[in-house]
Amino acid sequence: MTESPAAEPAVLDRIARLEETVRQLPKVSLHDHLDGSLRPSTLISLAESIGHELPAQDPDALAAWFVQASTSGSLERYLEGFAHTTAVMQTAEALRRIAREYVEDLAADGVVYAEVRWAPEQHQAEGLSLEEAVDAVQAGLEDGMRTVAEKDGLIVVGQLLSAMRQSDRAEEIVELAISRRDAGVVGFDIAGPEAGFPPSRFEAAFTRLAEQMLPATVHAGEADGVESVRQALVAGRAQRLGHGVRVAEDITVSAESAETEDGEEAVEVSLGEVARWVRDRRIHVEICPTSNLQTGAVDGFAPEGEAVALEDHPFDMLYQLGFSVGVNTDNRLVSGVTLSGELARLAVAFDYELGELADFQINAIEAAFLGYEEREALSALILEAWQ
């Protein structure tokens, strides 16, 4: 991992102003972890109630600690934050509260559709069954959606149940997802360490999902490379790629360039078979820009010897080449981001207009684990607002 250099004050001011504009517009979030997105004040309150020690007791100081840990250059410190968040997420009451606030916070940021992912198996330390944990989160999501609706807002949130690769409980979590598919669960995911835990280890689970027609997104192409993406597509039957950013390693850009008739510089680009499959089959890539910088997922795209910056991220290359890319936060507390802020940062880094930012919302809603009619209705709402 490499910490990106600090931006100039004028750039930060431009990002902040654009973020305020974008916050008023409807957005789609497909890759956001519940245990990485708590309110600092809630984390402090719940930790106090169970006697769990936190690195800070003031909400602002605690939020700053998470950001500092995530940008420290240490994966261990990045992951340390989750030990604190999951510690307070072991009862039905806590899960319900956190899920409700999660929805309210997304709505405040202008999100109208979201899929929240989390691993129920990590919330059983106090005796909750998997079913009780899922039902508690669903109750909280419904509380939040109802609260937003009462204020004349709109947001729809579904659950993605994650199985942790290292615990070999994928088949159990698949059955859990299937049993709750009509009670808020919209899909399945595997998370955790990519290297050494390929989707082929869980092929039976993915086959069961396919037989039951329940869609899957797979974390791949973040901590591991192109072969991880291939495995997600083949063994995991992934309809979306969680992060997926290292699929860009399967793209070769010619060192030579030529000038086009209109004076622009053109380079020759060739796609390997994995990258071509992802692009041509419109496999959606759930990109989390700031998180990718923090975890080192895009270090290989920076010029040799230089600290990686957002401008080095292959997001724009993938977008220009026709990939279905979306913008996500990954962990709003841990990374210290909002979806509006991520979109604003990308716009400044790659000189995007609002039209391009709207493209990313349409890409995401088209890839959402929703029915056709619901996707069409949300697409129309989003296009009307952004235009």
Protein backbone atom coordinates (compact mmCIF):
# COMPACT_ATOMS: atom_id res chain seq x y z
CA MET A 1 0.00 0.00 0.00
CA THR A 2 1.09 3.52 -0.75
CA GLU A 3 -0.40 6.68 0.62
CA SER A 4 -1.40 9.11 -2.12
CA PRO A 5 0.12 12.60 -1.98
CA ALA A 6 -1.96 15.38 -0.46
CA ALA A 7 -3.99 17.47 -2.89
CA GLU A 8 -3.55 21.22 -3.30
CA PRO A 9 -6.01 23.43 -1.36
CA ALA A 10 -7.56 24.71 -4.61
CA VAL A 11 -8.19 21.14 -5.74
CA LEU A 12 -9.70 20.20 -2.40
CA ASP A 13 -11.99 23.23 -2.61
CA ARG A 14 -13.10 22.23 -6.11
CA ILE A 15 -13.79 18.68 -4.92
CA ALA A 16 -15.81 19.93 -1.94
CA ARG A 17 -17.97 22.19 -4.11
CA LEU A 18 -18.62 19.43 -6.64
CA GLU A 19 -19.39 16.98 -3.84
CA GLU A 20 -22.19 19.25 -2.65
CA THR A 21 -23.67 19.32 -6.15
CA VAL A 22 -23.43 15.57 -6.59
CA ARG A 23 -24.97 14.92 -3.16
CA GLN A 24 -28.28 16.33 -4.40
CA LEU A 25 -28.44 13.82 -7.29
CA PRO A 26 -29.71 10.20 -7.13
CA LYS A 27 -26.95 7.60 -6.96
CA VAL A 28 -26.42 3.84 -6.80
CA SER A 29 -24.15 1.99 -4.36
CA LEU A 30 -23.33 -1.67 -5.03
CA HIS A 31 -20.15 -2.24 -2.98
CA ASP A 32 -20.30 -1.06 0.60
CA HIS A 33 -19.63 -3.16 3.72
CA LEU A 34 -21.93 -2.75 6.70
CA ASP A 35 -19.14 -3.38 9.21
CA GLY A 36 -17.00 -0.68 7.61
CA SER A 37 -19.67 2.01 7.60
CA LEU A 38 -20.78 2.66 11.19
CA ARG A 39 -21.33 6.13 12.58
CA PRO A 40 -18.39 6.95 14.91
CA SER A 41 -20.80 8.12 17.61
CA THR A 42 -22.70 4.83 17.44
CA LEU A 43 -19.49 2.82 17.59
CA ILE A 44 -18.46 4.73 20.74
CA SER A 45 -21.86 4.23 22.37
CA LEU A 46 -22.04 0.51 21.64
CA ALA A 47 -18.41 -0.08 22.63
CA GLU A 48 -19.00 1.60 25.98
CA SER A 49 -22.04 -0.60 26.63
CA ILE A 50 -19.99 -3.80 26.25
CA GLY A 51 -16.72 -2.54 27.73
CA HIS A 52 -14.80 -2.61 24.47
CA GLU A 53 -11.83 -0.23 24.35
CA LEU A 54 -11.53 2.02 21.30
CA PRO A 55 -8.50 4.04 20.15
CA ALA A 56 -10.45 7.29 20.66
CA GLN A 57 -13.59 8.38 22.51
CA ASP A 58 -14.49 11.50 20.56
CA PRO A 59 -16.41 10.85 17.29
CA ASP A 60 -14.24 13.16 15.18
CA ALA A 61 -11.04 11.77 16.68
CA LEU A 62 -12.23 8.21 16.13
CA ALA A 63 -13.12 8.93 12.50
CA ALA A 64 -9.68 10.45 12.03
CA TRP A 65 -8.07 7.36 13.58
CA PHE A 66 -9.78 5.10 11.05
CA VAL A 67 -8.61 7.24 8.13
CA GLN A 68 -5.09 7.37 9.51
CA ALA A 69 -5.05 3.60 9.91
CA SER A 70 -6.39 3.03 6.40
CA THR A 71 -3.76 5.29 4.83
CA SER A 72 -0.85 4.13 6.98
CA GLY A 73 0.67 1.84 4.37
CA SER A 74 -0.05 -1.20 6.54
CA LEU A 75 -2.72 -3.72 5.60
CA GLU A 76 -2.68 -4.91 9.20
CA ARG A 77 -3.62 -1.43 10.44
CA TYR A 78 -6.29 -1.11 7.73
CA LEU A 79 -7.89 -4.34 8.91
CA GLU A 80 -7.48 -3.42 12.59
CA GLY A 81 -10.50 -1.18 12.36
CA PHE A 82 -12.83 -4.08 11.63
CA ALA A 83 -11.92 -5.71 14.93
CA HIS A 84 -13.49 -2.67 16.61
CA THR A 85 -16.61 -2.52 14.43
CA THR A 86 -17.47 -6.21 14.48
CA ALA A 87 -16.93 -6.29 18.26
CA VAL A 88 -20.02 -4.11 18.72
CA MET A 89 -22.12 -5.93 16.10
CA GLN A 90 -22.90 -9.13 17.99
CA THR A 91 -26.49 -8.58 19.13
CA ALA A 92 -29.75 -8.22 17.24
CA GLU A 93 -30.34 -4.79 18.78
CA ALA A 94 -26.95 -3.48 17.68
CA LEU A 95 -27.29 -4.90 14.16
CA ARG A 96 -30.74 -3.40 13.76
CA ARG A 97 -29.60 0.03 14.93
CA ILE A 98 -26.51 0.02 12.71
CA ALA A 99 -28.52 -1.10 9.66
CA ARG A 100 -31.12 1.63 10.23
CA GLU A 101 -28.49 4.33 10.52
CA TYR A 102 -26.71 2.91 7.48
CA VAL A 103 -29.81 3.52 5.36
CA GLU A 104 -30.36 7.00 6.78
CA ASP A 105 -26.75 7.98 6.06
CA LEU A 106 -26.93 6.72 2.47
CA ALA A 107 -30.16 8.61 1.87
CA ALA A 108 -28.54 11.79 3.25
CA ASP A 109 -25.84 11.32 0.61
CA GLY A 110 -28.40 11.02 -2.18
CA VAL A 111 -28.28 7.25 -2.67
CA VAL A 112 -31.59 5.83 -3.96
CA TYR A 113 -30.56 2.20 -4.43
CA ALA A 114 -27.96 0.22 -2.51
CA GLU A 115 -26.83 -3.32 -1.89
CA VAL A 116 -25.12 -3.69 1.45
CA ARG A 117 -22.76 -6.61 1.95
CA TRP A 118 -21.80 -8.21 5.21
CA ALA A 119 -20.79 -11.62 6.55
CA PRO A 120 -23.34 -13.01 9.05
CA GLU A 121 -20.82 -15.62 10.22
CA GLN A 122 -18.79 -12.82 11.81
CA HIS A 123 -21.66 -11.81 14.11
CA GLN A 124 -22.26 -14.90 16.19
CA ALA A 125 -19.94 -14.30 19.15
CA GLU A 126 -22.86 -13.61 21.49
CA GLY A 127 -24.96 -16.55 20.34
CA LEU A 128 -26.95 -15.15 17.42
CA SER A 129 -27.93 -17.71 14.82
CA LEU A 130 -27.21 -16.84 11.20
CA GLU A 131 -30.93 -16.41 10.60
CA GLU A 132 -31.35 -14.11 13.59
CA ALA A 133 -28.47 -11.93 12.41
CA VAL A 134 -29.90 -11.59 8.90
CA ASP A 135 -33.37 -10.86 10.19
CA ALA A 136 -32.02 -8.20 12.55
CA VAL A 137 -30.20 -6.43 9.73
CA GLN A 138 -33.29 -6.64 7.55
CA ALA A 139 -35.42 -5.14 10.29
CA GLY A 140 -32.96 -2.25 10.55
CA LEU A 141 -32.89 -1.70 6.80
CA GLU A 142 -36.68 -1.59 6.73
CA ASP A 143 -36.70 0.83 9.69
CA GLY A 144 -34.34 3.09 7.75
CA MET A 145 -36.28 2.90 4.49
CA ARG A 146 -39.50 3.68 6.35
CA THR A 147 -37.90 6.70 8.08
CA VAL A 148 -36.65 8.04 4.75
CA ALA A 149 -40.06 7.53 3.12
CA GLU A 150 -41.77 9.39 5.95
CA LYS A 151 -39.60 12.40 5.05
CA ASP A 152 -40.66 12.08 1.38
CA GLY A 153 -37.36 10.51 0.41
CA LEU A 154 -36.66 7.39 -1.62
CA ILE A 155 -34.18 4.62 -1.00
CA VAL A 156 -34.24 0.86 -1.58
CA VAL A 157 -31.59 -1.32 0.08
CA GLY A 158 -31.04 -5.06 -0.34
CA GLN A 159 -28.67 -7.43 1.44
CA LEU A 160 -25.72 -9.24 -0.10
CA LEU A 161 -24.62 -12.07 2.17
CA SER A 162 -20.85 -12.61 2.14
CA ALA A 163 -19.10 -15.86 2.98
CA MET A 164 -15.54 -15.49 4.26
CA ARG A 165 -13.20 -17.41 2.02
CA GLN A 166 -10.94 -18.55 4.85
CA SER A 167 -13.71 -20.12 6.95
CA ASP A 168 -15.14 -22.60 4.42
CA ARG A 169 -18.77 -21.86 5.31
CA ALA A 170 -19.79 -20.85 1.79
CA GLU A 171 -22.35 -23.62 1.30
CA GLU A 172 -23.99 -22.74 4.62
CA ILE A 173 -24.18 -19.04 3.71
CA VAL A 174 -25.56 -19.90 0.26
CA GLU A 175 -28.42 -21.84 1.87
CA LEU A 176 -28.99 -18.91 4.20
CA ALA A 177 -29.17 -16.51 1.25
CA ILE A 178 -31.58 -18.78 -0.61
CA SER A 179 -33.82 -19.08 2.45
CA ARG A 180 -34.00 -15.28 2.80
CA ARG A 181 -34.24 -14.35 -0.90
CA ASP A 182 -37.85 -13.21 -0.42
CA ALA A 183 -37.00 -11.42 2.80
CA GLY A 184 -34.48 -8.81 1.69
CA VAL A 185 -31.50 -10.84 0.42
CA VAL A 186 -30.73 -10.07 -3.23
CA GLY A 187 -27.47 -11.93 -3.79
CA PHE A 188 -24.32 -13.66 -2.55
CA ASP A 189 -20.67 -12.67 -2.28
CA ILE A 190 -17.39 -14.15 -1.12
CA ALA A 191 -14.93 -11.91 0.68
CA GLY A 192 -11.67 -12.27 2.58
CA PRO A 193 -8.18 -13.12 1.31
CA GLU A 194 -8.04 -13.83 -2.42
CA ALA A 195 -4.61 -15.49 -2.55
CA GLY A 196 -4.87 -19.12 -1.53
CA PHE A 197 -8.68 -19.12 -1.40
CA PRO A 198 -9.85 -19.18 -5.04
CA PRO A 199 -13.56 -19.44 -5.92
CA SER A 200 -12.92 -22.99 -7.15
CA ARG A 201 -12.78 -24.01 -3.46
CA PHE A 202 -16.47 -23.12 -3.29
CA GLU A 203 -17.59 -24.41 -6.67
CA ALA A 204 -20.40 -26.50 -5.17
CA ALA A 205 -21.78 -23.41 -3.45
CA PHE A 206 -21.75 -21.41 -6.66
CA THR A 207 -23.41 -24.29 -8.51
CA ARG A 208 -26.17 -24.34 -5.91
CA LEU A 209 -26.65 -20.59 -6.36
CA ALA A 210 -26.90 -21.00 -10.13
CA GLU A 211 -29.42 -23.82 -9.76
CA GLN A 212 -31.54 -21.55 -7.55
CA MET A 213 -31.09 -18.56 -9.89
CA LEU A 214 -29.63 -16.35 -7.15
CA PRO A 215 -26.97 -13.95 -8.48
CA ALA A 216 -23.42 -13.61 -7.22
CA THR A 217 -20.80 -10.92 -7.06
CA VAL A 218 -17.26 -12.03 -6.18
CA HIS A 219 -14.42 -10.08 -4.58
CA ALA A 220 -11.64 -10.49 -7.16
CA GLY A 221 -8.88 -8.47 -8.74
CA GLU A 222 -8.15 -6.45 -5.60
CA ALA A 223 -5.49 -8.26 -3.57
CA ASP A 224 -4.74 -10.72 -6.38
CA GLY A 225 -4.39 -10.42 -10.12
CA VAL A 226 -5.94 -11.50 -13.39
CA GLU A 227 -6.12 -15.20 -12.49
CA SER A 228 -8.29 -14.27 -9.51
CA VAL A 229 -10.68 -12.53 -11.89
CA ARG A 230 -10.70 -15.55 -14.20
CA GLN A 231 -11.56 -17.81 -11.27
CA ALA A 232 -14.40 -15.50 -10.24
CA LEU A 233 -15.85 -15.69 -13.74
CA VAL A 234 -15.40 -19.44 -14.28
CA ALA A 235 -15.83 -21.12 -10.90
CA GLY A 236 -17.79 -18.30 -9.30
CA ARG A 237 -20.06 -17.53 -12.26
CA ALA A 238 -19.72 -13.90 -11.15
CA GLN A 239 -22.18 -11.45 -12.63
CA ARG A 240 -20.22 -8.62 -11.04
CA LEU A 241 -16.66 -8.21 -9.80
CA GLY A 242 -16.06 -6.77 -6.34
CA HIS A 243 -13.27 -4.25 -6.98
CA GLY A 244 -12.06 -6.10 -10.09
CA VAL A 245 -9.64 -3.28 -10.76
CA ARG A 246 -6.67 -5.54 -11.54
CA VAL A 247 -8.42 -6.81 -14.64
CA ALA A 248 -6.56 -3.80 -16.10
CA GLU A 249 -3.38 -5.88 -15.79
CA ASP A 250 -4.78 -7.88 -18.72
CA ILE A 251 -4.68 -4.78 -20.92
CA THR A 252 -1.56 -3.85 -22.87
CA VAL A 253 -1.02 -0.22 -23.83
CA SER A 254 1.51 0.43 -26.59
CA ALA A 255 4.49 2.54 -25.63
CA GLU A 256 4.15 4.33 -28.97
CA SER A 257 1.50 6.92 -29.67
CA ALA A 258 0.23 8.74 -32.72
CA GLU A 259 -1.63 11.99 -33.29
CA THR A 260 -5.16 11.80 -34.65
CA GLU A 261 -6.64 14.17 -37.24
CA ASP A 262 -8.14 16.36 -34.52
CA GLY A 263 -4.78 16.68 -32.80
CA GLU A 264 -5.41 14.26 -29.94
CA GLU A 265 -2.92 11.59 -28.91
CA ALA A 266 -3.93 7.98 -29.61
CA VAL A 267 -2.29 4.82 -28.32
CA GLU A 268 -2.76 1.22 -29.34
CA VAL A 269 -4.48 -0.94 -26.73
CA SER A 270 -4.93 -4.70 -26.73
CA LEU A 271 -7.12 -6.71 -24.35
CA GLY A 272 -6.29 -10.17 -23.06
CA GLU A 273 -8.98 -12.83 -23.02
CA VAL A 274 -10.08 -12.16 -19.43
CA ALA A 275 -10.33 -8.40 -19.92
CA ARG A 276 -12.12 -8.87 -23.23
CA TRP A 277 -14.63 -11.24 -21.65
CA VAL A 278 -15.35 -8.81 -18.80
CA ARG A 279 -15.82 -5.91 -21.21
CA ASP A 280 -17.71 -7.68 -23.98
CA ARG A 281 -20.08 -9.53 -21.63
CA ARG A 282 -20.70 -6.36 -19.59
CA ILE A 283 -19.53 -7.94 -16.34
CA HIS A 284 -19.89 -4.97 -14.02
CA VAL A 285 -16.75 -3.83 -12.18
CA GLU A 286 -17.50 -2.45 -8.70
CA ILE A 287 -14.60 -0.04 -8.31
CA CYS A 288 -13.80 1.63 -4.98
CA PRO A 289 -11.23 4.33 -5.87
CA THR A 290 -10.01 5.54 -2.46
CA SER A 291 -10.01 2.05 -0.97
CA ASN A 292 -8.00 0.79 -3.95
CA LEU A 293 -5.34 3.40 -3.19
CA GLN A 294 -5.33 2.58 0.51
CA THR A 295 -5.02 -1.19 0.13
CA GLY A 296 -2.40 -1.06 -2.62
CA ALA A 297 -4.67 -2.62 -5.25
CA VAL A 298 -3.50 -0.09 -7.85
CA ASP A 299 0.13 0.38 -6.79
CA GLY A 300 1.26 -1.39 -9.95
CA PHE A 301 -0.24 1.31 -12.15
CA ALA A 302 1.84 4.18 -10.71
CA PRO A 303 5.05 5.30 -12.44
CA GLU A 304 8.04 3.44 -11.06
CA GLY A 305 9.38 5.01 -7.88
CA GLU A 306 6.43 7.36 -7.43
CA ALA A 307 3.64 7.34 -4.87
CA VAL A 308 0.36 6.22 -6.38
CA ALA A 309 -2.26 8.92 -6.93
CA LEU A 310 -5.87 8.80 -8.03
CA GLU A 311 -4.79 9.91 -11.50
CA ASP A 312 -2.86 6.62 -11.78
CA HIS A 313 -5.97 4.54 -11.12
CA PRO A 314 -7.00 2.57 -14.24
CA PHE A 315 -10.64 3.58 -13.74
CA ASP A 316 -10.63 6.03 -16.63
CA MET A 317 -8.88 3.61 -18.98
CA LEU A 318 -11.51 0.97 -18.26
CA TYR A 319 -14.30 3.49 -18.76
CA GLN A 320 -12.87 4.78 -22.04
CA LEU A 321 -12.47 1.22 -23.32
CA GLY A 322 -16.13 0.47 -22.76
CA PHE A 323 -16.10 -1.53 -19.52
CA SER A 324 -19.16 -1.36 -17.29
CA VAL A 325 -17.63 0.46 -14.33
CA GLY A 326 -19.32 1.81 -11.23
CA VAL A 327 -18.12 3.94 -8.32
CA ASN A 328 -18.36 2.72 -4.74
CA THR A 329 -17.09 3.47 -1.25
CA ASP A 330 -16.18 -0.02 0.08
CA ASN A 331 -16.07 1.11 3.74
CA ARG A 332 -17.29 4.63 4.44
CA LEU A 333 -16.01 4.85 8.01
CA VAL A 334 -12.76 2.96 7.49
CA SER A 335 -11.80 4.84 4.33
CA GLY A 336 -13.32 8.16 5.40
CA VAL A 337 -15.38 8.65 2.23
CA THR A 338 -18.87 9.19 0.88
CA LEU A 339 -20.18 8.19 -2.52
CA SER A 340 -20.66 11.83 -3.50
CA GLY A 341 -17.07 12.54 -2.47
CA GLU A 342 -15.71 9.61 -4.48
CA LEU A 343 -17.55 10.80 -7.58
CA ALA A 344 -16.28 14.35 -7.07
CA ARG A 345 -12.69 13.18 -6.69
CA LEU A 346 -12.91 11.13 -9.88
CA ALA A 347 -14.45 14.06 -11.75
CA VAL A 348 -11.57 16.32 -10.78
CA ALA A 349 -8.89 13.69 -11.43
CA PHE A 350 -10.17 12.76 -14.90
CA ASP A 351 -12.00 15.93 -15.92
CA TYR A 352 -15.42 14.31 -15.99
CA GLU A 353 -18.61 16.26 -16.51
CA LEU A 354 -21.89 15.37 -14.81
CA GLY A 355 -22.80 13.31 -17.87
CA GLU A 356 -19.96 10.89 -17.21
CA LEU A 357 -20.86 10.64 -13.53
CA ALA A 358 -24.42 9.82 -14.58
CA ASP A 359 -23.05 7.03 -16.81
CA PHE A 360 -21.58 5.34 -13.74
CA GLN A 361 -24.99 5.38 -12.02
CA ILE A 362 -26.68 3.83 -15.05
CA ASN A 363 -23.95 1.18 -15.32
CA ALA A 364 -24.56 0.30 -11.68
CA ILE A 365 -28.35 0.16 -11.84
CA GLU A 366 -28.18 -2.00 -14.96
CA ALA A 367 -25.97 -4.43 -13.00
CA ALA A 368 -28.08 -4.30 -9.83
CA PHE A 369 -29.62 -7.53 -8.57
CA LEU A 370 -33.10 -6.15 -9.21
CA GLY A 371 -35.86 -7.14 -11.59
CA TYR A 372 -35.99 -5.60 -15.07
CA GLU A 373 -38.98 -3.38 -14.30
CA GLU A 374 -37.39 -1.99 -11.12
CA ARG A 375 -34.13 -1.27 -12.95
CA GLU A 376 -35.98 0.53 -15.73
CA ALA A 377 -37.91 2.69 -13.28
CA LEU A 378 -34.77 3.66 -11.35
CA SER A 379 -32.85 4.33 -14.57
CA ALA A 380 -35.55 6.75 -15.68
CA LEU A 381 -35.49 8.51 -12.31
CA ILE A 382 -31.71 8.82 -12.35
CA LEU A 383 -31.49 10.06 -15.96
CA GLU A 384 -34.18 12.67 -15.44
CA ALA A 385 -32.48 14.07 -12.35
CA TRP A 386 -28.94 14.11 -13.78
CA GLN A 387 -30.04 15.69 -17.06
